[in-house]
N, C-alpha and C. Protein backbone atom coordinates (compact mmCIF):
# COMPACT_ATOMS: atom_id res chain seq x y z
N THR A 1 -4.36 6.38 -79.62
CA THR A 1 -3.24 7.28 -79.81
C THR A 1 -2.82 7.30 -81.28
N MET A 2 -2.01 8.26 -81.64
CA MET A 2 -1.55 8.37 -83.02
C MET A 2 -0.72 7.15 -83.42
N THR A 3 0.07 6.61 -82.51
CA THR A 3 0.89 5.44 -82.81
C THR A 3 0.01 4.24 -83.12
N ASP A 4 -1.07 4.03 -82.37
CA ASP A 4 -1.98 2.92 -82.62
C ASP A 4 -2.64 3.05 -83.99
N ILE A 5 -3.10 4.24 -84.32
CA ILE A 5 -3.74 4.46 -85.61
C ILE A 5 -2.76 4.19 -86.74
N THR A 6 -1.58 4.70 -86.63
CA THR A 6 -0.56 4.49 -87.66
C THR A 6 -0.20 3.03 -87.79
N SER A 7 -0.03 2.34 -86.69
CA SER A 7 0.31 0.93 -86.70
C SER A 7 -0.79 0.11 -87.35
N SER A 8 -2.03 0.38 -86.97
CA SER A 8 -3.18 -0.32 -87.54
C SER A 8 -3.29 -0.07 -89.04
N THR A 9 -3.10 1.16 -89.44
CA THR A 9 -3.16 1.51 -90.86
C THR A 9 -2.07 0.80 -91.64
N LEU A 10 -0.88 0.76 -91.11
CA LEU A 10 0.23 0.09 -91.79
C LEU A 10 -0.02 -1.41 -91.89
N GLN A 11 -0.62 -2.00 -90.86
CA GLN A 11 -0.93 -3.43 -90.90
C GLN A 11 -1.93 -3.72 -92.01
N ARG A 12 -2.97 -2.90 -92.11
CA ARG A 12 -3.97 -3.08 -93.17
C ARG A 12 -3.35 -2.89 -94.54
N GLN A 13 -2.52 -1.85 -94.68
CA GLN A 13 -1.88 -1.59 -95.96
C GLN A 13 -0.99 -2.75 -96.39
N ALA A 14 -0.25 -3.32 -95.46
CA ALA A 14 0.62 -4.45 -95.77
C ALA A 14 -0.20 -5.66 -96.23
N PHE A 15 -1.29 -5.93 -95.52
CA PHE A 15 -2.15 -7.07 -95.87
C PHE A 15 -2.79 -6.86 -97.24
N ILE A 16 -3.35 -5.67 -97.47
CA ILE A 16 -4.01 -5.37 -98.75
C ILE A 16 -3.00 -5.45 -99.89
N GLN A 17 -1.84 -4.89 -99.72
CA GLN A 17 -0.81 -4.91 -100.77
C GLN A 17 -0.40 -6.34 -101.10
N ALA A 18 -0.21 -7.16 -100.08
CA ALA A 18 0.18 -8.55 -100.31
C ALA A 18 -0.92 -9.32 -101.04
N LEU A 19 -2.17 -9.08 -100.67
CA LEU A 19 -3.28 -9.75 -101.35
C LEU A 19 -3.40 -9.27 -102.80
N MET A 20 -3.24 -7.97 -103.02
CA MET A 20 -3.28 -7.44 -104.38
C MET A 20 -2.19 -8.06 -105.25
N ALA A 21 -1.02 -8.24 -104.68
CA ALA A 21 0.10 -8.81 -105.44
C ALA A 21 -0.17 -10.26 -105.85
N ARG A 22 -0.92 -10.97 -105.02
CA ARG A 22 -1.23 -12.38 -105.30
C ARG A 22 -2.51 -12.55 -106.12
N GLY A 23 -3.41 -11.59 -106.08
CA GLY A 23 -4.68 -11.70 -106.79
C GLY A 23 -5.72 -12.44 -105.99
N CYS A 24 -5.42 -13.66 -105.63
CA CYS A 24 -6.29 -14.44 -104.75
C CYS A 24 -5.43 -15.49 -104.06
N MET A 25 -5.95 -16.01 -102.95
CA MET A 25 -5.22 -17.04 -102.19
C MET A 25 -6.20 -17.82 -101.35
N LYS A 26 -5.78 -19.00 -100.92
CA LYS A 26 -6.61 -19.78 -100.02
C LYS A 26 -6.79 -19.01 -98.72
N GLU A 27 -7.99 -19.13 -98.14
CA GLU A 27 -8.28 -18.38 -96.92
C GLU A 27 -7.32 -18.75 -95.79
N LYS A 28 -6.92 -20.01 -95.72
CA LYS A 28 -5.98 -20.39 -94.65
C LYS A 28 -4.65 -19.65 -94.80
N ASP A 29 -4.23 -19.38 -96.04
CA ASP A 29 -3.01 -18.61 -96.26
C ASP A 29 -3.22 -17.14 -95.90
N ALA A 30 -4.42 -16.62 -96.20
CA ALA A 30 -4.74 -15.23 -95.84
C ALA A 30 -4.75 -15.07 -94.32
N LYS A 31 -5.26 -16.07 -93.62
CA LYS A 31 -5.28 -16.01 -92.15
C LYS A 31 -3.87 -16.05 -91.59
N ARG A 32 -3.01 -16.85 -92.20
CA ARG A 32 -1.61 -16.90 -91.78
C ARG A 32 -0.93 -15.55 -92.01
N MET A 33 -1.22 -14.96 -93.17
CA MET A 33 -0.65 -13.66 -93.49
C MET A 33 -1.16 -12.61 -92.50
N HIS A 34 -2.45 -12.68 -92.15
CA HIS A 34 -3.02 -11.76 -91.17
C HIS A 34 -2.27 -11.85 -89.84
N LYS A 35 -2.01 -13.06 -89.38
CA LYS A 35 -1.30 -13.23 -88.11
C LYS A 35 0.11 -12.66 -88.17
N SER A 36 0.71 -12.69 -89.36
CA SER A 36 2.07 -12.17 -89.47
C SER A 36 2.12 -10.64 -89.41
N VAL A 37 0.99 -9.97 -89.76
CA VAL A 37 0.99 -8.51 -89.72
C VAL A 37 0.21 -7.94 -88.54
N SER A 38 -0.73 -8.71 -87.96
CA SER A 38 -1.56 -8.17 -86.89
C SER A 38 -2.02 -9.27 -85.94
N ALA A 39 -1.43 -9.34 -84.79
CA ALA A 39 -1.84 -10.31 -83.79
C ALA A 39 -2.90 -9.73 -82.86
N ASP A 40 -3.19 -8.43 -83.01
CA ASP A 40 -4.09 -7.73 -82.09
C ASP A 40 -5.56 -7.89 -82.40
N GLN A 41 -5.92 -8.25 -83.62
CA GLN A 41 -7.32 -8.26 -84.03
C GLN A 41 -7.67 -9.59 -84.69
N ASP A 42 -8.92 -10.04 -84.49
CA ASP A 42 -9.35 -11.28 -85.13
C ASP A 42 -9.41 -11.09 -86.64
N TYR A 43 -9.31 -12.18 -87.38
CA TYR A 43 -9.24 -12.13 -88.84
C TYR A 43 -10.45 -11.44 -89.46
N ILE A 44 -11.65 -11.83 -89.05
CA ILE A 44 -12.87 -11.27 -89.65
C ILE A 44 -12.97 -9.77 -89.39
N GLY A 45 -12.67 -9.35 -88.18
CA GLY A 45 -12.67 -7.93 -87.86
C GLY A 45 -11.62 -7.17 -88.65
N PHE A 46 -10.47 -7.80 -88.82
CA PHE A 46 -9.37 -7.19 -89.58
C PHE A 46 -9.78 -6.98 -91.04
N VAL A 47 -10.38 -8.02 -91.66
CA VAL A 47 -10.82 -7.90 -93.05
C VAL A 47 -11.92 -6.84 -93.18
N ALA A 48 -12.81 -6.77 -92.20
CA ALA A 48 -13.86 -5.75 -92.21
C ALA A 48 -13.24 -4.35 -92.19
N GLU A 49 -12.21 -4.15 -91.38
CA GLU A 49 -11.51 -2.86 -91.34
C GLU A 49 -10.81 -2.58 -92.67
N CYS A 50 -10.22 -3.61 -93.27
CA CYS A 50 -9.59 -3.44 -94.58
C CYS A 50 -10.64 -3.01 -95.60
N ASN A 51 -11.80 -3.64 -95.56
CA ASN A 51 -12.86 -3.30 -96.51
C ASN A 51 -13.37 -1.88 -96.32
N LYS A 52 -13.42 -1.41 -95.08
CA LYS A 52 -13.79 0.00 -94.85
C LYS A 52 -12.77 0.93 -95.51
N SER A 53 -11.50 0.55 -95.42
CA SER A 53 -10.44 1.36 -96.03
C SER A 53 -10.53 1.35 -97.56
N LEU A 54 -11.03 0.26 -98.12
CA LEU A 54 -11.08 0.10 -99.57
C LEU A 54 -12.37 0.63 -100.20
N ASP A 55 -13.37 0.90 -99.38
CA ASP A 55 -14.68 1.26 -99.89
C ASP A 55 -14.66 2.48 -100.81
N TYR A 56 -13.90 3.48 -100.46
CA TYR A 56 -13.90 4.72 -101.25
C TYR A 56 -13.31 4.53 -102.65
N VAL A 57 -12.56 3.46 -102.87
CA VAL A 57 -12.02 3.18 -104.21
C VAL A 57 -12.77 2.02 -104.88
N HIS A 58 -13.88 1.62 -104.27
CA HIS A 58 -14.79 0.61 -104.83
C HIS A 58 -14.14 -0.77 -104.98
N PHE A 59 -13.29 -1.12 -104.03
CA PHE A 59 -12.72 -2.46 -103.97
C PHE A 59 -13.15 -3.13 -102.68
N GLU A 60 -13.02 -4.45 -102.65
CA GLU A 60 -13.42 -5.21 -101.47
C GLU A 60 -12.66 -6.53 -101.45
N ILE A 61 -12.40 -7.01 -100.25
CA ILE A 61 -11.83 -8.34 -100.07
C ILE A 61 -13.01 -9.27 -99.84
N ARG A 62 -13.13 -10.30 -100.68
CA ARG A 62 -14.24 -11.25 -100.57
C ARG A 62 -13.73 -12.68 -100.45
N THR A 63 -14.57 -13.51 -99.84
CA THR A 63 -14.27 -14.93 -99.69
C THR A 63 -15.34 -15.73 -100.40
N MET A 64 -14.93 -16.81 -101.06
CA MET A 64 -15.88 -17.73 -101.67
C MET A 64 -15.34 -19.15 -101.59
N LYS A 65 -16.24 -20.10 -101.65
CA LYS A 65 -15.85 -21.50 -101.64
C LYS A 65 -15.64 -21.95 -103.08
N SER A 66 -14.50 -22.55 -103.35
CA SER A 66 -14.17 -23.02 -104.69
C SER A 66 -14.95 -24.29 -105.01
N LEU A 67 -15.52 -24.34 -106.19
CA LEU A 67 -16.19 -25.55 -106.65
C LEU A 67 -15.19 -26.61 -107.07
N VAL A 68 -13.96 -26.21 -107.32
CA VAL A 68 -12.92 -27.13 -107.77
C VAL A 68 -12.30 -27.90 -106.60
N ASP A 69 -11.83 -27.17 -105.58
CA ASP A 69 -11.15 -27.84 -104.47
C ASP A 69 -11.92 -27.82 -103.16
N GLY A 70 -13.07 -27.14 -103.12
CA GLY A 70 -13.89 -27.11 -101.91
C GLY A 70 -13.36 -26.21 -100.81
N GLU A 71 -12.26 -25.53 -101.07
CA GLU A 71 -11.67 -24.66 -100.05
C GLU A 71 -12.15 -23.23 -100.23
N ASN A 72 -12.09 -22.47 -99.14
CA ASN A 72 -12.41 -21.04 -99.20
C ASN A 72 -11.21 -20.29 -99.76
N TRP A 73 -11.49 -19.39 -100.69
CA TRP A 73 -10.48 -18.54 -101.31
C TRP A 73 -10.82 -17.09 -101.04
N VAL A 74 -9.81 -16.26 -100.93
CA VAL A 74 -9.96 -14.83 -100.69
C VAL A 74 -9.44 -14.10 -101.91
N GLY A 75 -10.20 -13.09 -102.36
CA GLY A 75 -9.77 -12.33 -103.52
C GLY A 75 -10.02 -10.85 -103.35
N PHE A 76 -9.33 -10.08 -104.14
CA PHE A 76 -9.44 -8.63 -104.17
C PHE A 76 -10.37 -8.30 -105.33
N VAL A 77 -11.52 -7.67 -105.04
CA VAL A 77 -12.59 -7.53 -106.02
C VAL A 77 -12.94 -6.06 -106.27
N ASN A 78 -13.12 -5.73 -107.53
CA ASN A 78 -13.62 -4.41 -107.94
C ASN A 78 -15.14 -4.47 -107.83
N LYS A 79 -15.75 -3.57 -107.08
CA LYS A 79 -17.21 -3.58 -106.89
C LYS A 79 -17.96 -2.83 -107.98
N VAL A 80 -17.25 -2.17 -108.88
CA VAL A 80 -17.89 -1.38 -109.94
C VAL A 80 -17.64 -2.06 -111.28
N ALA A 81 -18.70 -2.32 -112.02
CA ALA A 81 -18.57 -2.97 -113.33
C ALA A 81 -18.36 -1.93 -114.41
N ASP A 82 -17.20 -1.26 -114.37
CA ASP A 82 -16.89 -0.26 -115.38
C ASP A 82 -16.08 -0.90 -116.52
N ASP A 83 -15.79 -0.13 -117.56
CA ASP A 83 -15.07 -0.66 -118.72
C ASP A 83 -13.68 -1.19 -118.34
N ALA A 84 -13.00 -0.50 -117.44
CA ALA A 84 -11.67 -0.95 -117.02
C ALA A 84 -11.73 -2.31 -116.35
N ALA A 85 -12.73 -2.52 -115.52
CA ALA A 85 -12.87 -3.80 -114.83
C ALA A 85 -13.21 -4.91 -115.82
N LYS A 86 -14.07 -4.62 -116.76
CA LYS A 86 -14.47 -5.62 -117.76
C LYS A 86 -13.31 -6.02 -118.65
N SER A 87 -12.42 -5.10 -118.96
CA SER A 87 -11.31 -5.40 -119.86
C SER A 87 -10.31 -6.36 -119.23
N ASN A 88 -10.25 -6.42 -117.92
CA ASN A 88 -9.31 -7.33 -117.25
C ASN A 88 -9.87 -8.73 -117.05
N THR A 89 -11.11 -8.98 -117.40
CA THR A 89 -11.68 -10.31 -117.20
C THR A 89 -11.93 -11.02 -118.52
N THR A 90 -11.23 -10.59 -119.56
CA THR A 90 -11.31 -11.28 -120.83
C THR A 90 -9.99 -11.97 -121.10
N TRP A 91 -10.04 -13.00 -121.88
CA TRP A 91 -8.83 -13.77 -122.19
C TRP A 91 -8.15 -13.13 -123.38
N PRO A 92 -6.88 -12.98 -123.54
CA PRO A 92 -5.86 -13.32 -122.55
C PRO A 92 -5.63 -12.19 -121.55
N SER A 93 -5.19 -12.55 -120.40
CA SER A 93 -4.84 -11.57 -119.38
C SER A 93 -3.74 -12.16 -118.52
N SER A 94 -3.36 -11.45 -117.47
CA SER A 94 -2.32 -11.97 -116.59
C SER A 94 -2.86 -13.03 -115.64
N PHE A 95 -4.20 -13.22 -115.60
CA PHE A 95 -4.80 -14.24 -114.74
C PHE A 95 -4.91 -15.55 -115.50
N ASN A 96 -4.77 -16.67 -114.76
CA ASN A 96 -5.00 -17.96 -115.40
C ASN A 96 -6.50 -18.24 -115.44
N HIS A 97 -6.89 -19.29 -116.11
CA HIS A 97 -8.31 -19.59 -116.31
C HIS A 97 -9.06 -19.74 -114.98
N SER A 98 -8.49 -20.43 -114.01
CA SER A 98 -9.14 -20.63 -112.71
C SER A 98 -9.35 -19.31 -111.99
N GLN A 99 -8.38 -18.42 -112.05
CA GLN A 99 -8.50 -17.12 -111.42
C GLN A 99 -9.58 -16.28 -112.08
N LEU A 100 -9.68 -16.33 -113.41
CA LEU A 100 -10.74 -15.60 -114.10
C LEU A 100 -12.11 -16.11 -113.70
N LEU A 101 -12.27 -17.44 -113.61
CA LEU A 101 -13.56 -18.01 -113.17
C LEU A 101 -13.89 -17.57 -111.76
N PHE A 102 -12.89 -17.55 -110.89
CA PHE A 102 -13.10 -17.12 -109.52
C PHE A 102 -13.65 -15.70 -109.49
N PHE A 103 -13.00 -14.79 -110.20
CA PHE A 103 -13.42 -13.39 -110.18
C PHE A 103 -14.75 -13.18 -110.86
N LYS A 104 -15.03 -13.92 -111.91
CA LYS A 104 -16.33 -13.78 -112.58
C LYS A 104 -17.46 -14.31 -111.70
N THR A 105 -17.16 -15.32 -110.88
CA THR A 105 -18.16 -15.90 -109.99
C THR A 105 -18.56 -14.94 -108.90
N ILE A 106 -17.59 -14.25 -108.31
CA ILE A 106 -17.93 -13.34 -107.23
C ILE A 106 -18.23 -11.98 -107.78
């Protein structure tokens, strides 16, 4: 129904916006955030749906294991290596050193 589509879309938008605001976060925190916006869908399926929504703007939510703390981290990633993307991964920027390494790794 239209209500289900709208609700699902709003849940994805809320999750994506919160992740964008943080840049990256531990996967356990992302899973907690997912539960707060959508109890209807499993986390992996939810992220897959978010990624479908982001595909047309060449962004993606990705997970990687940190070499520093051994935990899985989730980040918002630009899939296109254009000049705008490259300019945000040079020092200085609004990201700290660990965040820059995370994004350069993935």
